[in-house]
Each structure stands twice: as structure tokens, then as C-alpha cells.
N, C-alpha and C. Protein backbone atom coordinates (compact mmCIF):
# COMPACT_ATOMS: atom_id res chain seq x y z
N ASN A 1 26.67 36.74 12.30
CA ASN A 1 27.49 35.60 11.58
C ASN A 1 26.89 34.25 11.83
N ALA A 2 26.51 34.07 13.03
CA ALA A 2 25.78 32.70 13.47
C ALA A 2 24.44 32.61 12.52
N ALA A 3 23.65 33.59 12.28
CA ALA A 3 22.60 33.42 11.46
C ALA A 3 22.87 33.19 10.03
N ARG A 4 24.12 33.93 9.54
CA ARG A 4 24.50 33.55 8.15
C ARG A 4 24.96 32.02 8.12
N SER A 5 25.64 31.30 8.83
CA SER A 5 26.00 30.11 8.89
C SER A 5 24.78 29.08 8.84
N LEU A 6 23.72 29.45 9.68
CA LEU A 6 22.49 28.74 9.70
C LEU A 6 21.76 28.86 8.33
N ALA A 7 21.76 29.95 7.85
CA ALA A 7 21.15 30.07 6.58
C ALA A 7 21.79 29.21 5.45
N TYR A 8 23.27 29.24 5.49
CA TYR A 8 24.05 28.49 4.58
C TYR A 8 23.73 26.93 4.84
N LYS A 9 23.54 26.45 6.05
CA LYS A 9 23.40 25.08 6.31
C LYS A 9 22.06 24.66 5.62
N LYS A 10 20.85 25.72 5.96
CA LYS A 10 19.58 25.24 5.39
C LYS A 10 19.65 25.22 3.71
N ALA A 11 20.45 26.07 3.09
CA ALA A 11 20.59 26.00 1.72
C ALA A 11 21.22 24.84 1.15
N THR A 12 22.24 24.20 1.81
CA THR A 12 23.15 23.43 1.36
C THR A 12 22.56 21.98 1.86
N MET A 13 21.81 21.70 2.80
CA MET A 13 21.48 20.48 3.32
C MET A 13 20.18 19.93 2.22
N PRO A 14 20.50 18.81 1.87
CA PRO A 14 19.44 18.28 1.00
C PRO A 14 18.35 17.93 1.69
N GLN A 15 16.92 17.84 1.17
CA GLN A 15 15.79 17.69 1.79
C GLN A 15 15.83 16.09 1.83
N PRO A 16 15.20 15.70 2.96
CA PRO A 16 15.09 14.05 3.05
C PRO A 16 14.10 13.51 1.96
N VAL A 17 14.47 12.36 1.62
CA VAL A 17 13.72 11.74 0.34
C VAL A 17 12.66 10.61 1.12
N ARG A 18 11.51 10.72 0.69
CA ARG A 18 10.72 9.73 1.17
C ARG A 18 10.63 8.55 0.19
N LEU A 19 11.12 7.34 0.82
CA LEU A 19 11.27 6.15 -0.39
C LEU A 19 9.93 5.33 -0.27
N TYR A 20 8.78 5.75 0.22
CA TYR A 20 7.63 4.93 0.30
C TYR A 20 6.50 5.64 -0.08
N GLN A 21 5.39 5.22 -0.38
CA GLN A 21 4.12 5.89 -0.72
C GLN A 21 3.16 5.78 0.37
N LYS A 22 2.59 6.69 0.68
CA LYS A 22 1.73 6.86 1.98
C LYS A 22 0.31 5.96 1.52
N ALA A 23 -0.39 5.46 2.60
CA ALA A 23 -1.66 4.69 2.39
C ALA A 23 -2.51 4.83 3.71
N ILE A 24 -3.69 4.79 3.85
CA ILE A 24 -4.49 4.75 4.99
C ILE A 24 -5.05 3.40 5.10
N PHE A 25 -5.16 2.90 6.28
CA PHE A 25 -5.71 1.53 6.66
C PHE A 25 -7.28 1.96 6.92
N LEU A 26 -8.01 1.48 5.90
CA LEU A 26 -9.60 1.81 5.88
C LEU A 26 -10.33 0.71 7.05
N GLY A 27 -9.82 -0.37 6.92
CA GLY A 27 -10.74 -1.49 7.86
C GLY A 27 -10.31 -3.04 7.32
N TYR A 28 -11.04 -3.88 7.99
CA TYR A 28 -11.06 -5.14 7.31
C TYR A 28 -11.88 -5.31 6.11
N LYS A 29 -11.29 -6.44 5.38
CA LYS A 29 -12.29 -6.96 4.37
C LYS A 29 -13.55 -7.55 5.22
N ARG A 30 -14.75 -7.35 4.50
CA ARG A 30 -15.92 -7.86 5.28
C ARG A 30 -17.10 -8.17 4.21
N SER A 31 -18.06 -8.81 4.78
CA SER A 31 -19.37 -8.96 4.11
C SER A 31 -20.24 -8.27 5.02
N GLN A 32 -21.56 -8.31 4.70
CA GLN A 32 -22.66 -7.78 5.36
C GLN A 32 -22.60 -8.34 6.90
N ALA A 33 -22.42 -9.57 7.08
CA ALA A 33 -22.50 -10.08 8.42
C ALA A 33 -21.14 -10.51 9.12
N ASN A 34 -20.07 -10.69 8.25
CA ASN A 34 -18.72 -11.23 8.74
C ASN A 34 -17.78 -10.19 8.42
N GLN A 35 -16.53 -10.30 9.45
CA GLN A 35 -15.38 -9.64 9.01
C GLN A 35 -14.21 -10.54 8.87
N TYR A 36 -13.44 -10.15 8.03
CA TYR A 36 -12.10 -11.04 7.58
C TYR A 36 -11.05 -10.33 8.13
N SER A 37 -10.52 -10.39 9.37
CA SER A 37 -9.51 -9.45 9.89
C SER A 37 -8.03 -9.83 9.30
N HIS A 38 -8.03 -11.00 8.55
CA HIS A 38 -6.72 -11.51 7.89
C HIS A 38 -6.55 -10.76 6.67
N THR A 39 -7.37 -9.96 6.21
CA THR A 39 -7.15 -9.02 5.15
C THR A 39 -7.49 -7.57 5.29
N ALA A 40 -6.60 -6.77 5.09
CA ALA A 40 -6.71 -5.14 5.54
C ALA A 40 -7.14 -4.66 4.11
N LEU A 41 -7.84 -3.55 4.13
CA LEU A 41 -8.06 -2.71 2.99
C LEU A 41 -7.42 -1.39 3.17
N LEU A 42 -6.52 -1.06 2.24
CA LEU A 42 -5.66 0.22 2.11
C LEU A 42 -6.12 1.14 0.91
N LYS A 43 -6.05 2.31 1.24
CA LYS A 43 -6.21 3.40 0.24
C LYS A 43 -4.97 3.93 -0.11
N VAL A 44 -4.40 3.84 -1.24
CA VAL A 44 -2.91 4.30 -1.45
C VAL A 44 -3.22 5.80 -1.86
N GLN A 45 -2.33 6.73 -1.57
CA GLN A 45 -2.36 8.05 -1.90
C GLN A 45 -2.14 8.13 -3.32
N GLY A 46 -3.10 8.97 -4.03
CA GLY A 46 -2.83 9.25 -5.36
C GLY A 46 -3.23 8.27 -6.38
N VAL A 47 -4.06 7.08 -5.91
CA VAL A 47 -4.48 6.04 -6.79
C VAL A 47 -6.00 6.14 -6.66
N GLU A 48 -6.41 6.43 -7.98
CA GLU A 48 -7.90 6.72 -7.88
C GLU A 48 -8.65 5.68 -8.87
N ASP A 49 -8.13 4.74 -9.44
CA ASP A 49 -9.02 3.69 -10.25
C ASP A 49 -8.17 2.35 -10.20
N ARG A 50 -8.99 1.37 -10.63
CA ARG A 50 -8.36 0.02 -10.59
C ARG A 50 -7.26 -0.14 -11.44
N LYS A 51 -7.22 0.51 -12.49
CA LYS A 51 -5.81 0.30 -13.38
C LYS A 51 -4.55 0.63 -12.79
N GLU A 52 -4.73 1.90 -12.01
CA GLU A 52 -3.46 2.51 -11.28
C GLU A 52 -3.03 1.47 -10.36
N THR A 53 -3.96 0.56 -9.55
CA THR A 53 -3.39 -0.25 -8.53
C THR A 53 -2.60 -1.34 -8.93
N ASP A 54 -2.45 -1.72 -10.36
CA ASP A 54 -1.71 -2.84 -10.76
C ASP A 54 -0.17 -2.51 -10.48
N PHE A 55 0.24 -1.33 -10.38
CA PHE A 55 1.71 -1.19 -10.11
C PHE A 55 1.96 -1.69 -8.73
N TYR A 56 1.13 -1.59 -7.69
CA TYR A 56 1.27 -1.67 -6.33
C TYR A 56 1.13 -3.17 -5.85
N LEU A 57 0.73 -3.85 -6.84
CA LEU A 57 0.35 -5.39 -6.45
C LEU A 57 1.75 -6.02 -6.27
N GLY A 58 1.88 -6.89 -4.92
CA GLY A 58 2.97 -7.43 -4.73
C GLY A 58 4.22 -6.69 -3.92
N LYS A 59 3.84 -5.31 -3.74
CA LYS A 59 4.64 -4.34 -3.00
C LYS A 59 4.45 -4.71 -1.50
N ARG A 60 5.65 -4.52 -0.87
CA ARG A 60 5.58 -4.71 0.67
C ARG A 60 5.05 -3.59 1.37
N VAL A 61 4.35 -3.63 2.53
CA VAL A 61 3.82 -2.58 3.12
C VAL A 61 4.00 -2.78 4.73
N ALA A 62 4.25 -1.83 5.37
CA ALA A 62 4.48 -1.60 6.75
C ALA A 62 3.72 -0.87 7.62
N TYR A 63 3.26 -1.22 8.61
CA TYR A 63 2.54 -0.39 9.68
C TYR A 63 3.46 -0.14 10.75
N VAL A 64 3.98 0.96 10.88
CA VAL A 64 4.95 1.49 11.81
C VAL A 64 4.30 2.25 13.06
N TYR A 65 4.49 1.71 14.25
CA TYR A 65 3.87 2.43 15.46
C TYR A 65 4.78 2.52 16.63
N LYS A 66 4.51 3.21 17.52
CA LYS A 66 5.38 3.45 18.77
C LYS A 66 4.79 2.68 19.93
N ALA A 67 5.61 2.05 20.42
CA ALA A 67 5.44 1.03 21.67
C ALA A 67 5.78 1.72 22.97
N LYS A 68 5.38 1.38 24.15
CA LYS A 68 5.80 1.78 25.46
C LYS A 68 7.18 1.47 25.65
N THR A 69 7.67 0.22 25.77
CA THR A 69 8.62 -0.27 26.22
C THR A 69 9.87 -0.31 24.93
N GLU A 70 10.98 -0.12 25.34
CA GLU A 70 12.19 -0.14 24.28
C GLU A 70 12.58 -1.47 24.04
N VAL A 71 12.85 -1.89 22.71
CA VAL A 71 13.33 -3.19 22.65
C VAL A 71 14.39 -3.22 21.33
N LYS A 72 15.62 -3.64 21.83
CA LYS A 72 16.69 -3.37 20.81
C LYS A 72 17.09 -1.73 20.51
N GLY A 73 16.88 -1.00 21.54
CA GLY A 73 17.41 0.25 21.33
C GLY A 73 16.33 1.19 20.80
N THR A 74 14.99 0.73 20.48
CA THR A 74 14.12 1.74 19.87
C THR A 74 12.61 1.33 20.24
N ARG A 75 11.87 2.29 20.45
CA ARG A 75 10.30 2.15 20.70
C ARG A 75 9.66 2.02 19.42
N TYR A 76 10.08 2.09 18.26
CA TYR A 76 9.27 1.94 17.10
C TYR A 76 9.23 0.36 16.68
N ARG A 77 8.01 -0.05 16.24
CA ARG A 77 7.93 -1.36 15.78
C ARG A 77 7.31 -1.42 14.46
N ALA A 78 7.25 -2.34 13.59
CA ALA A 78 6.57 -2.37 12.42
C ALA A 78 5.93 -3.82 12.20
N VAL A 79 4.73 -3.95 11.68
CA VAL A 79 4.12 -5.17 11.19
C VAL A 79 4.24 -5.11 9.66
N TRP A 80 4.81 -6.03 9.02
CA TRP A 80 5.05 -6.05 7.66
C TRP A 80 4.06 -6.89 6.82
N GLY A 81 3.79 -6.53 5.65
CA GLY A 81 2.73 -7.35 4.84
C GLY A 81 3.06 -7.05 3.30
N LYS A 82 2.08 -7.64 2.75
CA LYS A 82 2.07 -7.57 1.13
C LYS A 82 0.78 -7.33 0.53
N ILE A 83 0.76 -6.34 -0.49
CA ILE A 83 -0.36 -5.95 -1.35
C ILE A 83 -0.62 -7.22 -2.16
N THR A 84 -1.93 -7.92 -2.04
CA THR A 84 -2.37 -8.88 -2.71
C THR A 84 -3.23 -8.61 -3.94
N ARG A 85 -4.01 -7.86 -3.92
CA ARG A 85 -4.96 -7.63 -5.10
C ARG A 85 -5.60 -6.27 -4.99
N SER A 86 -6.39 -5.88 -6.00
CA SER A 86 -7.32 -4.66 -5.72
C SER A 86 -8.58 -4.92 -5.27
N HIS A 87 -9.25 -3.94 -4.83
CA HIS A 87 -10.70 -3.99 -4.21
C HIS A 87 -11.52 -3.10 -4.75
N GLY A 88 -12.41 -3.45 -5.46
CA GLY A 88 -13.34 -2.36 -5.97
C GLY A 88 -12.81 -1.69 -7.16
N ASN A 89 -13.45 -0.53 -7.57
CA ASN A 89 -13.02 0.16 -8.85
C ASN A 89 -12.43 1.52 -8.29
N ARG A 90 -12.24 1.96 -7.02
CA ARG A 90 -11.72 3.22 -6.77
C ARG A 90 -10.38 3.30 -6.05
N GLY A 91 -9.51 2.33 -6.36
CA GLY A 91 -8.08 2.57 -6.06
C GLY A 91 -7.77 1.98 -4.71
N VAL A 92 -8.66 1.12 -4.18
CA VAL A 92 -8.44 0.53 -2.99
C VAL A 92 -7.78 -0.87 -3.16
N VAL A 93 -6.87 -1.29 -2.28
CA VAL A 93 -6.18 -2.56 -2.42
C VAL A 93 -6.25 -3.47 -1.08
N ARG A 94 -6.12 -4.84 -1.39
CA ARG A 94 -6.23 -5.68 -0.23
C ARG A 94 -4.80 -6.03 0.15
N ALA A 95 -4.60 -6.31 1.47
CA ALA A 95 -3.06 -6.59 2.02
C ALA A 95 -3.23 -7.53 3.04
N LYS A 96 -2.20 -8.46 3.12
CA LYS A 96 -2.06 -9.51 4.14
C LYS A 96 -0.79 -9.16 4.94
N PHE A 97 -0.96 -9.04 6.25
CA PHE A 97 0.08 -8.83 7.23
C PHE A 97 0.57 -10.10 8.02
N GLY A 98 1.61 -10.02 8.37
CA GLY A 98 2.29 -10.98 9.13
C GLY A 98 1.38 -11.47 10.41
N LYS A 99 1.03 -10.40 11.10
CA LYS A 99 0.01 -10.33 12.23
C LYS A 99 -0.98 -9.38 11.93
N ASN A 100 -2.36 -9.84 12.02
CA ASN A 100 -3.22 -8.97 11.56
C ASN A 100 -3.18 -7.72 12.28
N LEU A 101 -3.47 -6.53 11.59
CA LEU A 101 -3.51 -5.18 12.13
C LEU A 101 -4.32 -4.91 13.13
N PRO A 102 -3.99 -4.38 14.30
CA PRO A 102 -5.07 -3.99 15.34
C PRO A 102 -5.95 -3.06 15.08
N PRO A 103 -7.19 -3.12 15.42
CA PRO A 103 -8.30 -2.22 15.12
C PRO A 103 -7.96 -0.84 15.43
N ARG A 104 -7.18 -0.46 16.31
CA ARG A 104 -6.57 0.97 16.62
C ARG A 104 -5.81 1.60 15.52
N ALA A 105 -5.52 0.68 14.56
CA ALA A 105 -4.73 1.18 13.42
C ALA A 105 -5.56 1.73 12.33
N MET A 106 -6.87 1.62 12.52
CA MET A 106 -7.84 2.05 11.22
C MET A 106 -7.72 3.44 11.14
N GLY A 107 -7.66 3.88 10.10
CA GLY A 107 -7.34 5.44 9.86
C GLY A 107 -5.94 5.72 10.11
N ALA A 108 -4.97 4.80 10.49
CA ALA A 108 -3.64 5.28 10.42
C ALA A 108 -2.84 5.12 9.16
N GLN A 109 -1.67 5.65 9.11
CA GLN A 109 -0.80 5.72 7.81
C GLN A 109 -0.04 4.36 7.92
N ILE A 110 0.02 3.86 6.61
CA ILE A 110 0.73 2.73 6.19
C ILE A 110 1.59 3.02 5.19
N ARG A 111 3.04 2.48 5.34
CA ARG A 111 3.89 2.64 4.37
C ARG A 111 3.94 1.70 3.16
N VAL A 112 3.79 2.17 2.04
CA VAL A 112 3.84 1.14 0.94
C VAL A 112 5.20 1.54 0.26
N MET A 113 6.16 0.29 0.39
CA MET A 113 7.51 0.39 -0.08
C MET A 113 7.42 0.19 -1.73
N LEU A 114 8.50 0.50 -2.21
CA LEU A 114 8.47 0.51 -3.58
C LEU A 114 9.36 -0.60 -4.18
N PHE A 115 9.35 -1.69 -3.39
CA PHE A 115 9.89 -2.92 -3.87
C PHE A 115 9.05 -4.00 -3.25
N PRO A 116 8.99 -5.31 -3.78
CA PRO A 116 9.81 -5.51 -4.99
C PRO A 116 9.49 -4.96 -6.43
N SER A 117 10.36 -4.50 -7.21
CA SER A 117 9.87 -4.08 -8.45
C SER A 117 9.66 -4.96 -9.49
N ARG A 118 8.47 -4.87 -10.21
CA ARG A 118 8.00 -5.81 -11.32
C ARG A 118 8.14 -5.19 -12.82
N VAL A 119 8.96 -4.05 -12.75
CA VAL A 119 9.14 -3.16 -13.88
C VAL A 119 10.24 -3.84 -14.83
């Protein structure tokens, strides 16, 4: 009976919906000799060329991480930013954050929110 009610709960509970697109923090904008850490390069999942990046321009992005100490009842913190323009021809975008992303965030997941809408 308990197994049946558990199966019923699994069948009726809706799956959680992800309201953001995933991206990876590749590194900072740079030249051969200099690094510009105020601009982050992001690879958005499913975006493969420059035309497809147009939808994401102006979208808000968040780097969510877990800290050691609890503040306001949670250990999760976020650094917010905005996608400013595309970078190259392979679907990479540039983003500026309120505080520069830390180097340990390279390779980490960034959340690309689907707002503000320009449609």
C-alpha cells in the first residue's frame, strides 16, 4: 500500500521547470598580453553561431555559488550581470557582472535568465 501511494505521488507530481538557460564561464576577455577581467566570456548551451546570440543580448545572468557562512538564512550567494554583446562567430557572448567573477568560477555554470524580454 505504501509503495502504491509513493508511485501515485511520483506520477502526479509535476517535474520542476528550469526557468533559465545554462552557460559556462570560459574565462575573461583578453588580448595576447593583457586580460580584461571586467568582461567575462560565456558559452550558452545550444547556441552555436553569432546569429543565435542575438536573442540573449541584454539578458540578466547570475553566477550562483555556495559560501561557508550563512547570511540571511542561506549559504547560497549570487553575482548578477548582463550579457552585453557577442564574441566571435561560435556562439560565445560577453557579459559584465556587478563584481568581477572570481577565477575559480572558470568552467562553472552560469544561469542565463530569460528576462528582460525584447520580443
